[in-house]
Amino acid sequence: MKKLIQYGRDDHPDAEDSDKAQSTWVVNISDDCPDCADIRIDLTLEELGRPGYGQVAHLSVEGAQRLRAALAQALSELGGPN
């Protein structure tokens, strides 16, 4: 089972001389890890236009909560909502 939760892409400007390529991200729920004891949250990060060459993090619920807390802290530091 794999369920797409959300797909997005960053809004970094596309500049030829930039070392920061535009990227995409995908969040899925997945149960395709035979060595895992539970369902995982997959976070995939890829360079825009290069599908299949990204990195996939297979996060436990606890790992996903830690990532969520880190993003909330970063948003808070910028004065945004968390």
C-alpha atoms as a PDB file:
ATOM      1  CA  MET A   1       0.000   0.000   0.000  1.00  0.00           C
ATOM      2  CA  LYS A   2       1.230   3.470  -0.828  1.00  0.00           C
ATOM      3  CA  LYS A   3      -0.897   6.572  -0.357  1.00  0.00           C
ATOM      4  CA  LEU A   4       0.113  10.001  -1.645  1.00  0.00           C
ATOM      5  CA  ILE A   5      -0.424  12.671   0.986  1.00  0.00           C
ATOM      6  CA  GLN A   6       1.017  15.720  -0.751  1.00  0.00           C
ATOM      7  CA  TYR A   7       3.372  16.808  -3.526  1.00  0.00           C
ATOM      8  CA  GLY A   8       5.092  20.169  -3.695  1.00  0.00           C
ATOM      9  CA  ARG A   9       8.009  22.083  -5.097  1.00  0.00           C
ATOM     10  CA  ASP A  10      10.096  24.846  -3.710  1.00  0.00           C
ATOM     11  CA  ASP A  11       9.853  28.413  -4.953  1.00  0.00           C
ATOM     12  CA  HIS A  12      13.583  28.981  -5.266  1.00  0.00           C
ATOM     13  CA  PRO A  13      14.300  31.073  -8.377  1.00  0.00           C
ATOM     14  CA  ASP A  14      15.593  29.149 -11.368  1.00  0.00           C
ATOM     15  CA  ALA A  15      19.009  30.736 -11.879  1.00  0.00           C
ATOM     16  CA  GLU A  16      21.608  29.114 -14.105  1.00  0.00           C
ATOM     17  CA  ASP A  17      24.500  30.170 -11.901  1.00  0.00           C
ATOM     18  CA  SER A  18      22.869  29.079  -8.639  1.00  0.00           C
ATOM     19  CA  ASP A  19      24.168  26.105  -6.683  1.00  0.00           C
ATOM     20  CA  LYS A  20      20.678  25.637  -5.247  1.00  0.00           C
ATOM     21  CA  ALA A  21      18.644  23.654  -7.741  1.00  0.00           C
ATOM     22  CA  GLN A  22      14.861  23.786  -7.640  1.00  0.00           C
ATOM     23  CA  SER A  23      13.498  20.741  -5.895  1.00  0.00           C
ATOM     24  CA  THR A  24      10.321  18.770  -5.386  1.00  0.00           C
ATOM     25  CA  TRP A  25       9.057  16.933  -2.338  1.00  0.00           C
ATOM     26  CA  VAL A  26       6.532  14.164  -1.877  1.00  0.00           C
ATOM     27  CA  VAL A  27       4.990  12.791   1.305  1.00  0.00           C
ATOM     28  CA  ASN A  28       3.517   9.262   1.198  1.00  0.00           C
ATOM     29  CA  ILE A  29       2.268   6.712   3.687  1.00  0.00           C
ATOM     30  CA  SER A  30       3.745   3.324   2.886  1.00  0.00           C
ATOM     31  CA  ASP A  31       3.789  -0.240   4.185  1.00  0.00           C
ATOM     32  CA  ASP A  32       6.334  -1.576   1.665  1.00  0.00           C
ATOM     33  CA  CYS A  33       9.241  -1.963   4.136  1.00  0.00           C
ATOM     34  CA  PRO A  34       9.498  -5.673   5.009  1.00  0.00           C
ATOM     35  CA  ASP A  35      12.104  -4.992   7.723  1.00  0.00           C
ATOM     36  CA  CYS A  36       9.975  -2.324   9.428  1.00  0.00           C
ATOM     37  CA  ALA A  37       7.488  -3.313  12.097  1.00  0.00           C
ATOM     38  CA  ASP A  38       5.059  -0.547  11.223  1.00  0.00           C
ATOM     39  CA  ILE A  39       3.698   1.710   8.501  1.00  0.00           C
ATOM     40  CA  ARG A  40       6.147   4.444   7.476  1.00  0.00           C
ATOM     41  CA  ILE A  41       5.926   8.006   6.275  1.00  0.00           C
ATOM     42  CA  ASP A  42       8.088   8.449   3.194  1.00  0.00           C
ATOM     43  CA  LEU A  43       9.573  11.855   2.457  1.00  0.00           C
ATOM     44  CA  THR A  44      11.136  12.091  -1.005  1.00  0.00           C
ATOM     45  CA  LEU A  45      13.300  15.040  -2.065  1.00  0.00           C
ATOM     46  CA  GLU A  46      14.385  15.337  -5.708  1.00  0.00           C
ATOM     47  CA  GLU A  47      15.873  17.906  -8.009  1.00  0.00           C
ATOM     48  CA  LEU A  48      13.157  19.287 -10.288  1.00  0.00           C
ATOM     49  CA  GLY A  49      13.186  17.406 -13.590  1.00  0.00           C
ATOM     50  CA  ARG A  50      15.245  14.473 -12.264  1.00  0.00           C
ATOM     51  CA  PRO A  51      12.687  11.958 -10.997  1.00  0.00           C
ATOM     52  CA  GLY A  52      14.182   8.807  -9.566  1.00  0.00           C
ATOM     53  CA  TYR A  53      17.441  10.476  -8.509  1.00  0.00           C
ATOM     54  CA  GLY A  54      16.299  11.812  -5.172  1.00  0.00           C
ATOM     55  CA  GLN A  55      16.552  10.637  -1.611  1.00  0.00           C
ATOM     56  CA  VAL A  56      13.764   8.868   0.278  1.00  0.00           C
ATOM     57  CA  ALA A  57      13.531   8.986   4.069  1.00  0.00           C
ATOM     58  CA  HIS A  58      11.389   6.163   5.529  1.00  0.00           C
ATOM     59  CA  LEU A  59      10.292   7.807   8.776  1.00  0.00           C
ATOM     60  CA  SER A  60       8.651   6.172  11.757  1.00  0.00           C
ATOM     61  CA  VAL A  61       5.838   8.089  13.423  1.00  0.00           C
ATOM     62  CA  GLU A  62       8.324   9.328  16.014  1.00  0.00           C
ATOM     63  CA  GLY A  63      10.814  10.391  13.317  1.00  0.00           C
ATOM     64  CA  ALA A  64       8.094  12.263  11.412  1.00  0.00           C
ATOM     65  CA  GLN A  65       7.032  14.023  14.610  1.00  0.00           C
ATOM     66  CA  ARG A  66      10.626  15.138  15.221  1.00  0.00           C
ATOM     67  CA  LEU A  67      10.823  16.493  11.670  1.00  0.00           C
ATOM     68  CA  ARG A  68       7.495  18.291  12.127  1.00  0.00           C
ATOM     69  CA  ALA A  69       8.777  19.843  15.374  1.00  0.00           C
ATOM     70  CA  ALA A  70      11.986  20.990  13.669  1.00  0.00           C
ATOM     71  CA  LEU A  71      10.008  22.632  10.851  1.00  0.00           C
ATOM     72  CA  ALA A  72       7.695  24.288  13.394  1.00  0.00           C
ATOM     73  CA  GLN A  73      10.708  25.620  15.282  1.00  0.00           C
ATOM     74  CA  ALA A  74      12.219  27.020  12.071  1.00  0.00           C
ATOM     75  CA  LEU A  75       8.894  28.709  11.201  1.00  0.00           C
ATOM     76  CA  SER A  76       8.689  30.128  14.700  1.00  0.00           C
ATOM     77  CA  GLU A  77      12.201  31.545  14.426  1.00  0.00           C
ATOM     78  CA  LEU A  78      11.087  33.334  11.238  1.00  0.00           C
ATOM     79  CA  GLY A  79       8.015  34.712  12.976  1.00  0.00           C
ATOM     80  CA  GLY A  80       5.625  32.508  11.024  1.00  0.00           C
ATOM     81  CA  PRO A  81       2.895  30.193  12.204  1.00  0.00           C
ATOM     82  CA  ASN A  82       3.886  26.823  13.526  1.00  0.00           C
END
